[in-house]
Amino acid sequence: QVQLVESGGGLVQPGGSLRLSCAASRSLFSIYAMGWYRQTPGKQRELVAAISSGGRTNYADSVKGRFTISRDNARNTVYLQMNSLKPEDTAVYYCNTGRTTISTPGSYWGQGTQVTVSS
């Protein structure tokens, strides 16, 4: 079993920045892809960004050029740097792992962290 613990969400004004972190409980983290997904009420959970064990990345078109995903395998941690935030980025953000691909989610999810972009 892998446990994922997210942190870093909060309230930010449009145009601002936040950095999300996700710490995994197991060293097998280094062989899996890691991803960030988000969900708003009434909508399906959607991919925001994902990164493979080798560093290949995949971004949703809506966040390209604004968000950056990175990972620190020594710390079993993945990050999502979010810049130029927009109100439409408001959502619960979930960390995900459990697969080696960066296009589909794995089996393990974090508890989610709320990001609210509002003036």
C-alpha atoms as a PDB file:
ATOM      1  CA  GLN A   1       0.000   0.000   0.000  1.00  0.00           C
ATOM      2  CA  VAL A   2       1.171   3.515  -0.844  1.00  0.00           C
ATOM      3  CA  GLN A   3       0.039   6.527   1.117  1.00  0.00           C
ATOM      4  CA  LEU A   4       0.139   9.984  -0.419  1.00  0.00           C
ATOM      5  CA  VAL A   5      -0.055  13.176   1.614  1.00  0.00           C
ATOM      6  CA  GLU A   6      -0.644  16.475  -0.170  1.00  0.00           C
ATOM      7  CA  SER A   7       0.028  19.940   1.162  1.00  0.00           C
ATOM      8  CA  GLY A   8       0.272  23.506  -0.073  1.00  0.00           C
ATOM      9  CA  GLY A   9      -3.265  24.358  -1.110  1.00  0.00           C
ATOM     10  CA  GLY A  10      -5.047  27.504  -0.066  1.00  0.00           C
ATOM     11  CA  LEU A  11      -6.601  30.761  -1.163  1.00  0.00           C
ATOM     12  CA  VAL A  12      -4.747  32.936  -3.658  1.00  0.00           C
ATOM     13  CA  GLN A  13      -5.651  35.941  -5.788  1.00  0.00           C
ATOM     14  CA  PRO A  14      -5.805  35.690  -9.582  1.00  0.00           C
ATOM     15  CA  GLY A  15      -2.318  35.963 -11.018  1.00  0.00           C
ATOM     16  CA  GLY A  16      -0.761  34.553  -7.882  1.00  0.00           C
ATOM     17  CA  SER A  17       1.239  31.383  -7.276  1.00  0.00           C
ATOM     18  CA  LEU A  18       1.059  28.279  -5.133  1.00  0.00           C
ATOM     19  CA  ARG A  19       3.227  25.197  -4.820  1.00  0.00           C
ATOM     20  CA  LEU A  20       1.659  21.851  -4.010  1.00  0.00           C
ATOM     21  CA  SER A  21       3.662  19.000  -2.520  1.00  0.00           C
ATOM     22  CA  CYS A  22       2.879  15.310  -2.301  1.00  0.00           C
ATOM     23  CA  ALA A  23       4.920  12.945  -0.153  1.00  0.00           C
ATOM     24  CA  ALA A  24       4.708   9.205  -0.774  1.00  0.00           C
ATOM     25  CA  SER A  25       5.177   6.611   1.924  1.00  0.00           C
ATOM     26  CA  ARG A  26       7.194   4.057  -0.007  1.00  0.00           C
ATOM     27  CA  SER A  27      10.529   3.987  -1.757  1.00  0.00           C
ATOM     28  CA  LEU A  28       8.890   2.342  -4.818  1.00  0.00           C
ATOM     29  CA  PHE A  29       7.810   5.870  -5.614  1.00  0.00           C
ATOM     30  CA  SER A  30      10.915   6.156  -7.794  1.00  0.00           C
ATOM     31  CA  ILE A  31       9.677   3.604 -10.377  1.00  0.00           C
ATOM     32  CA  TYR A  32       6.176   5.044 -10.744  1.00  0.00           C
ATOM     33  CA  ALA A  33       4.880   8.022 -12.636  1.00  0.00           C
ATOM     34  CA  MET A  34       3.368  10.707 -10.438  1.00  0.00           C
ATOM     35  CA  GLY A  35       0.455  12.895 -11.342  1.00  0.00           C
ATOM     36  CA  TRP A  36      -1.724  15.744 -10.194  1.00  0.00           C
ATOM     37  CA  TYR A  37      -5.417  15.685 -10.965  1.00  0.00           C
ATOM     38  CA  ARG A  38      -8.152  18.117 -10.060  1.00  0.00           C
ATOM     39  CA  GLN A  39     -11.874  17.998  -9.605  1.00  0.00           C
ATOM     40  CA  THR A  40     -14.690  20.500  -9.202  1.00  0.00           C
ATOM     41  CA  PRO A  41     -18.253  19.693  -8.088  1.00  0.00           C
ATOM     42  CA  GLY A  42     -20.252  17.953 -10.780  1.00  0.00           C
ATOM     43  CA  LYS A  43     -17.271  17.338 -13.018  1.00  0.00           C
ATOM     44  CA  GLN A  44     -14.977  14.395 -13.627  1.00  0.00           C
ATOM     45  CA  ARG A  45     -11.513  14.357 -12.183  1.00  0.00           C
ATOM     46  CA  GLU A  46      -9.062  15.555 -14.823  1.00  0.00           C
ATOM     47  CA  LEU A  47      -5.350  15.302 -15.371  1.00  0.00           C
ATOM     48  CA  VAL A  48      -3.421  18.466 -14.618  1.00  0.00           C
ATOM     49  CA  ALA A  49       0.155  17.222 -14.993  1.00  0.00           C
ATOM     50  CA  ALA A  50       2.126  14.010 -14.726  1.00  0.00           C
ATOM     51  CA  ILE A  51       5.790  13.076 -14.639  1.00  0.00           C
ATOM     52  CA  SER A  52       7.428   9.727 -15.331  1.00  0.00           C
ATOM     53  CA  SER A  53      10.204   8.178 -13.273  1.00  0.00           C
ATOM     54  CA  GLY A  54      12.615   9.407 -15.948  1.00  0.00           C
ATOM     55  CA  GLY A  55      11.283  12.942 -15.960  1.00  0.00           C
ATOM     56  CA  ARG A  56       8.995  12.968 -19.016  1.00  0.00           C
ATOM     57  CA  THR A  57       6.041  15.249 -18.446  1.00  0.00           C
ATOM     58  CA  ASN A  58       2.473  15.568 -19.634  1.00  0.00           C
ATOM     59  CA  TYR A  59       0.358  18.674 -19.087  1.00  0.00           C
ATOM     60  CA  ALA A  60      -3.242  19.580 -19.681  1.00  0.00           C
ATOM     61  CA  ASP A  61      -3.500  22.239 -22.380  1.00  0.00           C
ATOM     62  CA  SER A  62      -5.167  24.614 -19.934  1.00  0.00           C
ATOM     63  CA  VAL A  63      -2.094  24.746 -17.667  1.00  0.00           C
ATOM     64  CA  LYS A  64       0.770  24.584 -20.167  1.00  0.00           C
ATOM     65  CA  GLY A  65       3.196  27.429 -19.636  1.00  0.00           C
ATOM     66  CA  ARG A  66       1.787  28.203 -16.167  1.00  0.00           C
ATOM     67  CA  PHE A  67       2.237  25.003 -14.140  1.00  0.00           C
ATOM     68  CA  THR A  68       5.388  22.942 -13.663  1.00  0.00           C
ATOM     69  CA  ILE A  69       5.554  19.432 -12.237  1.00  0.00           C
ATOM     70  CA  SER A  70       8.751  18.098 -10.726  1.00  0.00           C
ATOM     71  CA  ARG A  71       9.849  15.250  -8.488  1.00  0.00           C
ATOM     72  CA  ASP A  72      12.511  14.528  -5.916  1.00  0.00           C
ATOM     73  CA  ASN A  73      13.001  10.765  -5.788  1.00  0.00           C
ATOM     74  CA  ALA A  74      15.323  10.978  -2.792  1.00  0.00           C
ATOM     75  CA  ARG A  75      12.491  12.551  -0.801  1.00  0.00           C
ATOM     76  CA  ASN A  76       9.665  10.514  -2.405  1.00  0.00           C
ATOM     77  CA  THR A  77       8.017  13.845  -3.184  1.00  0.00           C
ATOM     78  CA  VAL A  78       6.362  15.386  -6.218  1.00  0.00           C
ATOM     79  CA  TYR A  79       5.649  19.103  -6.610  1.00  0.00           C
ATOM     80  CA  LEU A  80       3.302  21.218  -8.672  1.00  0.00           C
ATOM     81  CA  GLN A  81       4.349  24.830  -9.081  1.00  0.00           C
ATOM     82  CA  MET A  82       1.323  26.839 -10.170  1.00  0.00           C
ATOM     83  CA  ASN A  83       1.862  30.348 -11.510  1.00  0.00           C
ATOM     84  CA  SER A  84      -0.479  32.899 -13.080  1.00  0.00           C
ATOM     85  CA  LEU A  85      -3.408  31.238 -11.382  1.00  0.00           C
ATOM     86  CA  LYS A  86      -6.888  31.835 -12.728  1.00  0.00           C
ATOM     87  CA  PRO A  87     -10.298  31.477 -11.072  1.00  0.00           C
ATOM     88  CA  GLU A  88     -10.945  28.447 -13.281  1.00  0.00           C
ATOM     89  CA  ASP A  89      -8.024  26.681 -11.580  1.00  0.00           C
ATOM     90  CA  THR A  90     -10.131  26.504  -8.428  1.00  0.00           C
ATOM     91  CA  ALA A  91     -10.563  22.825  -7.547  1.00  0.00           C
ATOM     92  CA  VAL A  92      -9.549  20.068  -5.196  1.00  0.00           C
ATOM     93  CA  TYR A  93      -6.154  18.832  -6.339  1.00  0.00           C
ATOM     94  CA  TYR A  94      -5.241  15.169  -5.894  1.00  0.00           C
ATOM     95  CA  CYS A  95      -1.888  13.452  -6.039  1.00  0.00           C
ATOM     96  CA  ASN A  96      -1.773  10.120  -7.833  1.00  0.00           C
ATOM     97  CA  THR A  97       0.585   7.228  -8.437  1.00  0.00           C
ATOM     98  CA  GLY A  98       0.699   3.488  -9.055  1.00  0.00           C
ATOM     99  CA  ARG A  99       1.489   3.257 -12.769  1.00  0.00           C
ATOM    100  CA  THR A 100       4.482   3.884 -14.947  1.00  0.00           C
ATOM    101  CA  THR A 101       2.526   5.768 -17.617  1.00  0.00           C
ATOM    102  CA  ILE A 102       1.893   9.524 -17.615  1.00  0.00           C
ATOM    103  CA  SER A 103      -1.386   9.449 -19.507  1.00  0.00           C
ATOM    104  CA  THR A 104      -3.616   7.452 -17.160  1.00  0.00           C
ATOM    105  CA  PRO A 105      -3.907   7.438 -13.370  1.00  0.00           C
ATOM    106  CA  GLY A 106      -2.654   4.718 -11.055  1.00  0.00           C
ATOM    107  CA  SER A 107      -4.436   3.125  -8.144  1.00  0.00           C
ATOM    108  CA  TYR A 108      -3.271   5.351  -5.331  1.00  0.00           C
ATOM    109  CA  TRP A 109      -4.758   8.736  -4.478  1.00  0.00           C
ATOM    110  CA  GLY A 110      -4.063  11.328  -1.858  1.00  0.00           C
ATOM    111  CA  GLN A 111      -6.794  12.933   0.224  1.00  0.00           C
ATOM    112  CA  GLY A 112      -6.858  16.088  -1.863  1.00  0.00           C
ATOM    113  CA  THR A 113      -6.005  19.695  -1.159  1.00  0.00           C
ATOM    114  CA  GLN A 114      -8.261  22.658  -1.946  1.00  0.00           C
ATOM    115  CA  VAL A 115      -6.997  25.410  -4.206  1.00  0.00           C
ATOM    116  CA  THR A 116      -9.174  28.512  -4.431  1.00  0.00           C
ATOM    117  CA  VAL A 117      -8.331  31.360  -6.792  1.00  0.00           C
ATOM    118  CA  SER A 118     -10.414  34.392  -5.988  1.00  0.00           C
ATOM    119  CA  SER A 119     -10.126  38.099  -5.377  1.00  0.00           C
END
